[in-house]
């Protein structure tokens, strides 16, 4: 193993690869990841964790209606964008992988996983990947890892994903990361993590087609922090649903959504404040006042903000009601 490792390093620094170019074109991302497709919704996504800064900007690639790609170990970042472009041309996951690796002089130190919009999976773990380096393909998903503490990481991820069938894709991806960490994970520990989920089909708006898009760039408990961010994401999803219900004049439904969000994040003043504003704008000033009072007591800047909202029509209460609110 030690001999193989030195051969890999020699390759990366050889004149053929133009010296230390790997620092730019082949960054390190020894890691564990999962790519998957939800067989019911058609959503696709991936999740990753590594003891390396900002792994999400290197390993994770996904596009609505196209697929998801994880490129890791000694990374060829171009595999992400090039791979998605090839998938859009109609190539299967395996055809894309074969194309990417065909002329790649560093293929033996690459680890790659691709899933396409039909659920086809293709994976590659080069002979030069640092042990423990393993991969497991399942039905419409793949787990892969390299430089792990032991050989149980991919097994644990595979089991966690299979057992969580019926849950949302994002939840299943997170459970897989958590399972990997429980059995040891990256031999170096944790630093960064990321999760991306995209819709089954594109509406032609790629800037707004990531159902989940979260990153932790530098944290000793990266997976725990990713889980926290995901819970925040879910809470704001309830807020968004509440806003949509308001637009449809469904106040009971809106308040139910807002209440769920605030229970999930009880210390989030932002959520409480805009819930109060929404209530006030919908002639429920009486219900809004206790919430305003609580928020103002914790941070007086919210009261200052309230004074400015009428000018932009974000607060449309009567002058008498505004006076009551500002007197709190």
Protein backbone atom coordinates (compact mmCIF):
# COMPACT_ATOMS: atom_id res chain seq x y z
CA UNK A 1 0.00 0.00 0.00
CA UNK A 2 2.80 2.42 0.93
CA UNK A 3 4.54 1.68 -2.36
CA UNK A 4 1.35 2.37 -4.28
CA UNK A 5 0.86 5.66 -2.44
CA UNK A 6 4.34 6.85 -3.38
CA UNK A 7 3.70 5.86 -7.00
CA UNK A 8 0.55 7.99 -6.98
CA UNK A 9 2.41 11.00 -5.58
CA UNK A 10 5.18 10.49 -8.12
CA UNK A 11 2.59 10.50 -10.90
CA UNK A 12 1.02 13.71 -9.67
CA UNK A 13 4.33 15.52 -9.53
CA UNK A 14 5.81 14.06 -12.72
CA UNK A 15 6.76 16.26 -15.69
CA UNK A 16 3.92 14.68 -17.67
CA UNK A 17 1.44 16.45 -15.43
CA UNK A 18 3.38 19.71 -15.59
CA UNK A 19 4.71 19.74 -12.06
CA UNK A 20 2.32 20.63 -9.24
CA UNK A 21 -0.64 21.38 -11.49
CA UNK A 22 -2.75 19.04 -9.37
CA UNK A 23 -3.16 21.86 -6.87
CA UNK A 24 -5.37 23.61 -9.38
CA UNK A 25 -6.76 20.89 -11.62
CA UNK A 26 -6.61 17.89 -9.29
CA UNK A 27 -7.40 19.01 -5.74
CA UNK A 28 -7.51 16.50 -2.92
CA UNK A 29 -10.99 15.41 -1.86
CA UNK A 30 -10.60 12.13 -0.03
CA UNK A 31 -14.10 11.58 1.17
CA UNK A 32 -17.30 9.59 1.30
CA UNK A 33 -20.36 10.41 -0.78
CA UNK A 34 -23.64 9.17 -2.17
CA UNK A 35 -25.46 9.88 -5.43
CA UNK A 36 -29.09 8.82 -5.74
CA UNK A 37 -32.45 9.18 -7.47
CA UNK A 38 -35.86 9.02 -5.81
CA UNK A 39 -37.79 6.35 -7.72
CA UNK A 40 -41.13 8.00 -6.85
CA UNK A 41 -40.51 11.73 -7.36
CA UNK A 42 -37.63 11.44 -9.82
CA UNK A 43 -35.56 13.86 -7.74
CA UNK A 44 -31.81 13.35 -7.93
CA UNK A 45 -29.10 14.39 -5.53
CA UNK A 46 -25.87 13.76 -3.76
CA UNK A 47 -24.28 14.29 -0.36
CA UNK A 48 -20.64 14.33 0.69
CA UNK A 49 -18.33 14.79 3.69
CA UNK A 50 -14.56 15.18 3.87
CA UNK A 51 -11.74 16.36 6.08
CA UNK A 52 -10.97 18.99 3.48
CA UNK A 53 -12.06 22.62 3.21
CA UNK A 54 -15.22 23.35 1.21
CA UNK A 55 -15.66 19.88 -0.27
CA UNK A 56 -19.03 20.89 -1.72
CA UNK A 57 -17.36 23.17 -4.26
CA UNK A 58 -15.20 20.33 -5.54
CA UNK A 59 -17.05 17.02 -5.36
CA UNK A 60 -20.77 17.75 -5.75
CA UNK A 61 -22.50 18.40 -9.09
CA UNK A 62 -26.18 18.10 -10.01
CA UNK A 63 -28.67 19.56 -12.45
CA UNK A 64 -32.46 19.29 -12.66
CA UNK A 65 -33.65 16.78 -15.23
CA UNK A 66 -30.08 15.69 -15.91
CA UNK A 67 -28.38 13.85 -13.05
CA UNK A 68 -25.88 14.01 -10.21
CA UNK A 69 -22.13 13.43 -10.10
CA UNK A 70 -19.56 12.94 -7.36
CA UNK A 71 -15.92 13.34 -8.43
CA UNK A 72 -13.45 12.68 -5.61
CA UNK A 73 -10.14 11.23 -4.39
CA UNK A 74 -7.57 13.14 -6.51
CA UNK A 75 -10.32 15.15 -8.16
CA UNK A 76 -10.75 16.02 -11.80
CA UNK A 77 -13.23 18.87 -11.29
CA UNK A 78 -14.03 19.04 -14.99
CA UNK A 79 -15.83 15.71 -14.62
CA UNK A 80 -18.68 17.59 -12.94
CA UNK A 81 -19.58 20.09 -15.66
CA UNK A 82 -18.43 17.93 -18.56
CA UNK A 83 -20.32 14.96 -17.19
CA UNK A 84 -23.58 16.87 -16.87
CA UNK A 85 -23.19 18.21 -20.40
CA UNK A 86 -22.72 14.68 -21.73
CA UNK A 87 -25.79 13.49 -19.83
CA UNK A 88 -27.81 16.30 -21.41
CA UNK A 89 -26.76 15.00 -24.83
CA UNK A 90 -28.48 11.71 -24.03
CA UNK A 91 -25.56 9.54 -22.94
CA UNK A 92 -26.19 7.08 -20.12
CA UNK A 93 -24.30 7.29 -16.83
CA UNK A 94 -21.94 4.50 -17.93
CA UNK A 95 -21.29 6.08 -21.33
CA UNK A 96 -20.47 9.39 -19.65
CA UNK A 97 -18.10 7.74 -17.18
CA UNK A 98 -16.33 5.84 -19.95
CA UNK A 99 -15.94 9.04 -21.96
CA UNK A 100 -14.54 11.00 -19.03
CA UNK A 101 -12.02 8.34 -18.05
CA UNK A 102 -10.95 7.39 -21.56
CA UNK A 103 -8.29 10.08 -21.96
CA UNK A 104 -7.69 10.84 -18.30
CA UNK A 105 -4.09 10.08 -17.40
CA UNK A 106 -5.02 10.18 -13.72
CA UNK A 107 -7.92 7.74 -13.86
CA UNK A 108 -6.27 5.32 -11.43
CA UNK A 109 -6.41 7.92 -8.66
CA UNK A 110 -9.98 9.00 -9.41
CA UNK A 111 -13.17 7.96 -7.70
CA UNK A 112 -16.33 8.92 -9.58
CA UNK A 113 -20.04 8.18 -9.29
CA UNK A 114 -22.74 9.24 -11.76
CA UNK A 115 -26.50 8.84 -11.76
CA UNK A 116 -28.64 9.92 -14.70
CA UNK A 117 -32.28 11.01 -14.87
CA UNK A 118 -33.43 7.44 -15.55
CA UNK A 119 -31.71 6.08 -12.47
CA UNK A 120 -28.78 4.45 -14.27
CA UNK A 121 -25.65 4.38 -12.13
CA UNK A 122 -21.97 4.19 -13.04
CA UNK A 123 -19.00 4.19 -10.65
CA UNK A 124 -15.26 4.00 -10.79
CA UNK A 125 -12.65 3.56 -8.06
CA UNK A 126 -9.11 3.68 -9.40
CA UNK A 127 -6.45 1.28 -8.17
CA UNK A 128 -4.47 4.25 -6.83
CA UNK A 129 -7.18 5.53 -4.47
CA UNK A 130 -6.04 5.52 -0.87
CA UNK A 131 -7.46 2.71 1.26
CA UNK A 132 -9.92 2.02 2.51
CA UNK A 133 -11.48 2.82 -0.87
CA UNK A 134 -14.74 1.08 -1.71
CA UNK A 135 -17.94 1.53 -3.67
CA UNK A 136 -21.36 -0.13 -3.65
CA UNK A 137 -24.00 0.22 -6.35
CA UNK A 138 -27.65 -0.20 -5.52
CA UNK A 139 -30.91 0.34 -7.35
CA UNK A 140 -30.78 4.01 -8.41
CA UNK A 141 -28.01 4.93 -5.99
CA UNK A 142 -24.32 4.49 -5.33
CA UNK A 143 -22.13 5.02 -2.27
CA UNK A 144 -18.37 5.45 -2.47
CA UNK A 145 -15.53 6.28 -0.13
CA UNK A 146 -11.76 6.55 0.00
CA UNK A 147 -9.18 7.17 2.74
CA UNK A 148 -11.61 5.76 5.31
CA UNK A 149 -10.79 4.54 8.79
CA UNK A 150 -11.99 1.03 7.90
CA UNK A 151 -13.86 -0.89 5.22
CA UNK A 152 -17.31 -0.48 6.79
CA UNK A 153 -18.14 3.05 5.59
CA UNK A 154 -19.67 2.22 2.22
CA UNK A 155 -21.49 -0.75 3.77
CA UNK A 156 -23.04 1.47 6.45
CA UNK A 157 -24.10 4.09 3.90
CA UNK A 158 -25.63 1.45 1.65
CA UNK A 159 -27.60 -0.04 4.53
CA UNK A 160 -28.82 3.35 5.79
CA UNK A 161 -30.08 4.38 2.36
CA UNK A 162 -31.89 1.10 1.77
CA UNK A 163 -33.54 1.08 5.20
CA UNK A 164 -34.80 4.67 4.85
CA UNK A 165 -36.98 3.99 1.81
CA UNK A 166 -40.14 6.11 1.92
CA UNK A 167 -38.45 9.16 3.42
CA UNK A 168 -37.53 12.21 1.36
CA UNK A 169 -34.42 11.93 -0.79
CA UNK A 170 -32.61 14.65 1.17
CA UNK A 171 -33.33 12.88 4.45
CA UNK A 172 -32.04 9.59 3.08
CA UNK A 173 -28.84 11.24 1.83
CA UNK A 174 -28.23 12.77 5.25
CA UNK A 175 -28.92 9.49 7.02
CA UNK A 176 -26.29 7.87 4.82
CA UNK A 177 -23.68 10.44 5.80
CA UNK A 178 -24.55 10.03 9.47
CA UNK A 179 -24.27 6.25 9.17
CA UNK A 180 -20.84 6.58 7.58
CA UNK A 181 -19.61 8.74 10.42
CA UNK A 182 -20.93 6.34 13.06
CA UNK A 183 -18.65 3.58 11.79
CA UNK A 184 -15.56 5.79 11.62
CA UNK A 185 -15.84 7.85 8.45
CA UNK A 186 -12.81 9.68 7.07
CA UNK A 187 -9.64 8.55 8.85
CA UNK A 188 -8.75 12.24 9.38
CA UNK A 189 -12.10 13.26 10.86
CA UNK A 190 -14.59 15.86 9.64
CA UNK A 191 -14.31 19.34 8.16
CA UNK A 192 -16.83 20.04 5.41
CA UNK A 193 -20.02 18.58 3.99
CA UNK A 194 -22.66 19.32 1.36
CA UNK A 195 -25.99 18.15 0.03
CA UNK A 196 -27.75 18.94 -3.26
CA UNK A 197 -31.17 17.76 -4.43
CA UNK A 198 -32.62 18.75 -7.81
CA UNK A 199 -36.05 18.17 -9.42
CA UNK A 200 -36.76 15.36 -11.86
CA UNK A 201 -37.44 17.82 -14.65
CA UNK A 202 -36.10 21.23 -15.57
CA UNK A 203 -38.41 24.17 -16.18
CA UNK A 204 -35.63 26.05 -17.94
CA UNK A 205 -34.68 28.06 -14.85
CA UNK A 206 -31.41 26.50 -13.63
CA UNK A 207 -30.86 29.37 -11.19
CA UNK A 208 -33.97 28.26 -9.29
CA UNK A 209 -33.90 24.48 -9.62
CA UNK A 210 -32.23 23.15 -6.51
CA UNK A 211 -34.72 21.76 -4.01
CA UNK A 212 -31.96 21.54 -1.40
CA UNK A 213 -28.54 23.18 -1.67
CA UNK A 214 -26.60 23.32 1.60
CA UNK A 215 -22.90 23.47 2.44
CA UNK A 216 -20.73 23.40 5.53
CA UNK A 217 -17.25 24.57 4.59
CA UNK A 218 -15.31 24.32 7.85
CA UNK A 219 -16.62 22.63 11.00
CA UNK A 220 -15.24 19.93 13.27
CA UNK A 221 -18.70 18.36 13.31
CA UNK A 222 -19.61 19.04 9.70
CA UNK A 223 -22.35 16.42 9.41
CA UNK A 224 -24.05 17.59 12.60
CA UNK A 225 -23.96 21.15 11.29
CA UNK A 226 -25.32 20.01 7.92
CA UNK A 227 -28.21 18.35 9.74
CA UNK A 228 -28.89 21.60 11.63
CA UNK A 229 -28.91 23.59 8.40
CA UNK A 230 -31.26 21.08 6.83
CA UNK A 231 -33.69 21.52 9.73
CA UNK A 232 -33.52 25.29 9.21
CA UNK A 233 -34.20 24.70 5.53
CA UNK A 234 -37.29 22.65 6.37
CA UNK A 235 -38.56 25.35 8.75
CA UNK A 236 -38.28 28.00 6.05
CA UNK A 237 -40.08 25.68 3.66
CA UNK A 238 -43.03 25.80 6.06
CA UNK A 239 -42.78 29.60 6.11
CA UNK A 240 -42.89 29.62 2.31
CA UNK A 241 -45.93 27.38 2.31
CA UNK A 242 -47.56 29.75 4.79
CA UNK A 243 -46.89 32.71 2.51
CA UNK A 244 -48.40 30.80 -0.42
CA UNK A 245 -51.50 30.00 1.64
CA UNK A 246 -51.84 33.72 2.46
CA UNK A 247 -51.85 34.49 -1.26
CA UNK A 248 -54.75 32.05 -1.61
CA UNK A 249 -56.51 33.66 1.38
CA UNK A 250 -56.23 30.45 3.40
CA UNK A 251 -55.44 31.96 6.78
CA UNK A 252 -55.92 28.83 8.88
CA UNK A 253 -53.59 26.85 6.66
CA UNK A 254 -51.07 29.68 6.66
CA UNK A 255 -51.01 29.95 10.46
CA UNK A 256 -50.58 26.19 10.76
CA UNK A 257 -47.52 26.37 8.53
CA UNK A 258 -46.11 29.38 10.38
CA UNK A 259 -46.62 27.67 13.73
CA UNK A 260 -44.81 24.55 12.57
CA UNK A 261 -41.88 26.68 11.39
CA UNK A 262 -41.68 28.63 14.66
CA UNK A 263 -41.81 25.44 16.72
CA UNK A 264 -38.91 24.08 14.71
CA UNK A 265 -36.90 27.29 15.27
CA UNK A 266 -38.28 28.84 18.48
CA UNK A 267 -35.41 31.33 18.81
CA UNK A 268 -35.65 32.66 15.26
CA UNK A 269 -36.93 36.24 15.60
CA UNK A 270 -37.07 36.71 11.85
CA UNK A 271 -39.76 34.07 11.46
CA UNK A 272 -41.77 35.44 14.37
CA UNK A 273 -41.53 38.99 13.11
CA UNK A 274 -42.73 38.34 9.56
CA UNK A 275 -45.50 36.11 10.87
CA UNK A 276 -46.69 39.07 12.92
CA UNK A 277 -46.45 41.36 9.90
CA UNK A 278 -48.47 38.93 7.81
CA UNK A 279 -51.14 38.68 10.50
CA UNK A 280 -51.35 42.46 10.80
CA UNK A 281 -51.61 42.92 7.04
CA UNK A 282 -54.49 40.46 7.00
CA UNK A 283 -56.45 42.41 9.63
CA UNK A 284 -55.41 40.18 12.53
CA UNK A 285 -53.61 42.91 14.46
CA UNK A 286 -54.91 41.52 17.75
CA UNK A 287 -53.08 38.21 17.12
CA UNK A 288 -50.02 40.01 15.78
CA UNK A 289 -49.46 42.30 18.77
CA UNK A 290 -48.27 39.60 21.24
CA UNK A 291 -45.75 38.38 18.68
CA UNK A 292 -44.51 41.91 17.94
CA UNK A 293 -44.17 42.52 21.67
CA UNK A 294 -42.07 39.40 22.17
CA UNK A 295 -39.81 40.23 19.25
CA UNK A 296 -39.35 43.89 20.24
CA UNK A 297 -38.45 42.87 23.79
CA UNK A 298 -35.61 40.72 22.53
CA UNK A 299 -34.29 43.13 19.91
CA UNK A 300 -35.39 46.74 19.61
CA UNK A 301 -34.10 46.99 16.04
CA UNK A 302 -37.18 45.14 14.86
CA UNK A 303 -39.32 48.00 16.13
CA UNK A 304 -37.14 50.44 14.19
CA UNK A 305 -37.61 48.32 11.08
CA UNK A 306 -41.38 48.35 11.60
CA UNK A 307 -41.40 52.14 11.33
CA UNK A 308 -39.92 51.87 7.85
CA UNK A 309 -42.22 49.21 6.41
CA UNK A 310 -45.31 51.37 5.67
CA UNK A 311 -43.32 53.49 3.18
CA UNK A 312 -42.63 50.39 1.10
CA UNK A 313 -46.14 48.94 1.56
CA UNK A 314 -44.76 45.92 3.38
CA UNK A 315 -46.92 46.86 6.36
CA UNK A 316 -50.36 48.07 5.37
CA UNK A 317 -52.16 48.56 8.69
CA UNK A 318 -54.19 51.61 9.65
CA UNK A 319 -52.36 54.47 11.37
CA UNK A 320 -54.10 53.67 14.65
CA UNK A 321 -52.96 50.06 14.51
CA UNK A 322 -49.42 51.09 13.61
CA UNK A 323 -49.40 53.34 16.63
CA UNK A 324 -50.45 50.42 18.85
CA UNK A 325 -47.70 48.24 17.45
CA UNK A 326 -44.99 50.88 17.89
CA UNK A 327 -46.15 51.58 21.45
CA UNK A 328 -45.22 48.05 22.53
